Amino acid sequence: MGMSRRFHFLLAAVLSLPPLVAAQQSGAPNSGAWSGTIVYSSCNADEAFNESPECFRAAPGAKLYLYDDTNRAMYGVDPQELAAAHLGDSVTVRGTLDGETIHASSLELMSIGLAVGQPAPNFSLHDQFGRKQTLASLKGANGTVLLFFRSADW
C-alpha cells in the first residue's frame, strides 16, 4: 500500500470516529457483555467493592444490580428475573446498555480458574528474576499451588 493510500485510509478512519463517539456520549444503547457481581441496589459501589453485607441483604425497594469492579460501576439489570437466583455470584450479563441499565438478553455464571482436581495446563513463563519456569519446574513433592492475584493498584 502506497504512502498516499495509507494516509487516505488513516484519514478516513479518523474522520469516522466522531459520529461513533457522539453516539456513545448521547446515551445511545450499546450492545455488549458486562461482568461483575450481582448485588442489591441498597449499597453503593464503594460498599460493593468492600463486599459489605449490606450489598447482599434485601432492603425495601432494592433491586438487583451488577457491580463491575473493573470500573467500579453499578448497573441495573432488566429483567430482574435473570439475576434473581444469582445474588453474590460472579456473572457475565449480555445485552444492551441504556444509560445505567443493562437490558439483558442472557446471564451466565463466570467460570474462574480450574475446577477442583482438574490438572493445570503446561505453561512456560518468566519469573520475577527472569528465569523460565514451567509447571514441571515448579512441581514439588506434594504437588503445586499456583496463586494469581489482582494487585490493589490495578
Protein backbone atom coordinates (compact mmCIF):
# COMPACT_ATOMS: atom_id res chain seq x y z
CA MET A 1 0.00 0.00 0.00
CA GLY A 2 1.50 3.34 -1.03
CA MET A 3 2.04 6.24 1.39
CA SER A 4 -0.77 8.28 -0.17
CA ARG A 5 -3.19 5.37 0.08
CA ARG A 6 -2.25 4.69 3.74
CA PHE A 7 -2.77 8.36 4.55
CA HIS A 8 -6.22 8.37 2.97
CA PHE A 9 -7.15 5.15 4.81
CA LEU A 10 -5.96 6.61 8.13
CA LEU A 11 -7.72 9.89 7.44
CA ALA A 12 -10.97 8.06 6.64
CA ALA A 13 -10.66 6.05 9.86
CA VAL A 14 -10.08 9.18 11.95
CA LEU A 15 -12.94 11.06 10.30
CA SER A 16 -15.31 8.19 11.03
CA LEU A 17 -14.61 8.33 14.79
CA PRO A 18 -16.54 11.48 15.83
CA PRO A 19 -20.02 10.09 14.96
CA LEU A 20 -19.21 6.92 16.93
CA VAL A 21 -18.04 8.89 19.95
CA ALA A 22 -21.04 11.20 19.70
CA ALA A 23 -23.42 8.22 19.63
CA GLN A 24 -21.85 6.79 22.79
CA GLN A 25 -21.96 10.15 24.57
CA SER A 26 -25.56 10.84 23.58
CA GLY A 27 -26.79 7.88 25.59
CA ALA A 28 -27.46 5.65 22.59
CA PRO A 29 -27.71 1.98 23.64
CA ASN A 30 -24.54 -0.11 23.30
CA SER A 31 -24.58 -3.89 22.87
CA GLY A 32 -22.01 -5.93 24.72
CA ALA A 33 -21.15 -8.00 27.76
CA TRP A 34 -20.51 -6.84 31.31
CA SER A 35 -19.03 -8.93 34.12
CA GLY A 36 -19.26 -8.49 37.84
CA THR A 37 -21.15 -9.49 40.96
CA ILE A 38 -24.91 -9.37 41.50
CA VAL A 39 -25.73 -7.14 44.49
CA TYR A 40 -28.68 -5.18 45.81
CA SER A 41 -29.08 -1.54 44.82
CA SER A 42 -29.26 -0.62 48.51
CA CYS A 43 -25.45 -0.46 48.53
CA ASN A 44 -23.16 1.81 46.55
CA ALA A 45 -20.03 0.99 44.51
CA ASP A 46 -17.70 1.57 47.48
CA GLU A 47 -19.70 -0.83 49.65
CA ALA A 48 -19.83 -3.39 46.83
CA PHE A 49 -16.06 -3.08 46.33
CA ASN A 50 -15.57 -3.80 50.05
CA GLU A 51 -18.10 -6.66 49.89
CA SER A 52 -20.28 -5.07 52.55
CA PRO A 53 -23.01 -7.34 53.97
CA GLU A 54 -25.50 -4.59 53.04
CA CYS A 55 -24.99 -5.48 49.39
CA PHE A 56 -26.38 -8.97 49.94
CA ARG A 57 -29.25 -8.13 52.29
CA ALA A 58 -32.69 -7.38 50.88
CA ALA A 59 -33.96 -3.89 51.64
CA PRO A 60 -37.38 -2.41 50.86
CA GLY A 61 -37.46 -1.27 47.26
CA ALA A 62 -33.95 -2.58 46.49
CA LYS A 63 -33.36 -4.09 43.07
CA LEU A 64 -30.65 -6.40 41.81
CA TYR A 65 -27.69 -4.66 40.20
CA LEU A 66 -24.49 -5.76 38.54
CA TYR A 67 -21.40 -4.35 40.26
CA ASP A 68 -18.49 -4.19 37.80
CA ASP A 69 -15.30 -3.94 39.86
CA THR A 70 -13.08 -3.11 36.87
CA ASN A 71 -14.63 0.35 36.61
CA ARG A 72 -16.45 0.40 39.98
CA ALA A 73 -19.80 0.92 38.28
CA MET A 74 -23.29 -0.24 39.25
CA TYR A 75 -25.70 -1.27 36.50
CA GLY A 76 -29.38 -2.05 36.80
CA VAL A 77 -30.39 -5.40 35.32
CA ASP A 78 -33.61 -5.71 33.33
CA PRO A 79 -35.37 -8.11 33.54
CA GLN A 80 -34.73 -8.72 37.22
CA GLU A 81 -35.74 -12.38 36.89
CA LEU A 82 -32.46 -13.18 35.12
CA ALA A 83 -30.46 -12.03 38.17
CA ALA A 84 -32.85 -13.27 40.88
CA ALA A 85 -31.10 -16.60 41.55
CA HIS A 86 -27.57 -15.13 41.38
CA LEU A 87 -27.20 -12.77 44.34
CA GLY A 88 -23.49 -12.69 45.26
CA ASP A 89 -22.46 -14.66 42.16
CA SER A 90 -19.85 -13.54 39.63
CA VAL A 91 -21.67 -13.39 36.30
CA THR A 92 -21.46 -12.13 32.75
CA VAL A 93 -24.52 -10.26 31.51
CA ARG A 94 -25.01 -9.83 27.77
CA GLY A 95 -27.39 -7.32 26.33
CA THR A 96 -27.75 -3.63 25.64
CA LEU A 97 -26.62 -0.82 27.94
CA ASP A 98 -29.03 2.09 28.01
CA GLY A 99 -27.86 4.74 30.45
CA GLU A 100 -27.08 2.80 33.64
CA THR A 101 -29.34 -0.20 32.91
CA ILE A 102 -28.40 -3.36 31.06
CA HIS A 103 -31.35 -4.74 29.13
CA ALA A 104 -30.16 -8.31 29.47
CA SER A 105 -30.58 -10.99 26.84
CA SER A 106 -28.60 -13.56 28.87
CA LEU A 107 -26.82 -14.03 32.17
CA GLU A 108 -24.27 -16.76 32.81
CA LEU A 109 -22.08 -17.69 35.75
CA MET A 110 -18.44 -16.80 35.29
CA SER A 111 -16.00 -19.65 35.25
CA ILE A 112 -12.88 -18.54 37.07
CA GLY A 113 -9.90 -20.83 37.15
CA LEU A 114 -9.74 -24.60 37.06
CA ALA A 115 -12.26 -26.93 38.64
CA VAL A 116 -11.07 -28.78 41.75
CA GLY A 117 -8.98 -31.76 40.68
CA GLN A 118 -8.58 -30.55 37.09
CA PRO A 119 -4.91 -30.69 36.04
CA ALA A 120 -3.23 -27.40 35.19
CA PRO A 121 -2.18 -26.97 31.56
CA ASN A 122 1.52 -26.94 30.73
CA PHE A 123 2.96 -23.43 30.63
CA SER A 124 6.24 -21.57 30.31
CA LEU A 125 6.68 -18.14 31.92
CA HIS A 126 9.50 -15.99 33.25
CA ASP A 127 9.58 -15.36 36.98
CA GLN A 128 10.48 -12.08 38.71
CA PHE A 129 14.20 -12.92 38.26
CA GLY A 130 13.87 -13.58 34.52
CA ARG A 131 14.23 -17.36 34.87
CA LYS A 132 12.00 -19.57 32.74
CA GLN A 133 9.53 -21.54 34.87
CA THR A 134 7.27 -24.38 33.76
CA LEU A 135 4.68 -26.48 35.51
CA ALA A 136 7.28 -29.25 35.80
CA SER A 137 9.98 -26.94 37.25
CA LEU A 138 7.59 -25.69 39.94
CA LYS A 139 6.15 -29.06 40.89
CA GLY A 140 7.06 -30.16 44.39
CA ALA A 141 6.83 -33.50 46.17
CA ASN A 142 3.26 -32.75 47.30
CA GLY A 143 2.08 -31.05 44.13
CA THR A 144 1.91 -27.39 43.19
CA VAL A 145 -0.24 -24.48 44.21
CA LEU A 146 -0.33 -21.56 41.80
CA LEU A 147 -1.88 -18.35 43.04
CA PHE A 148 -2.63 -15.39 40.83
CA PHE A 149 -4.00 -12.26 42.42
CA ARG A 150 -5.05 -8.86 41.28
CA SER A 151 -2.88 -6.07 42.56
CA ALA A 152 -4.58 -3.43 44.67
CA ASP A 153 -3.24 -0.71 42.37
CA TRP A 154 -4.51 -2.09 39.02
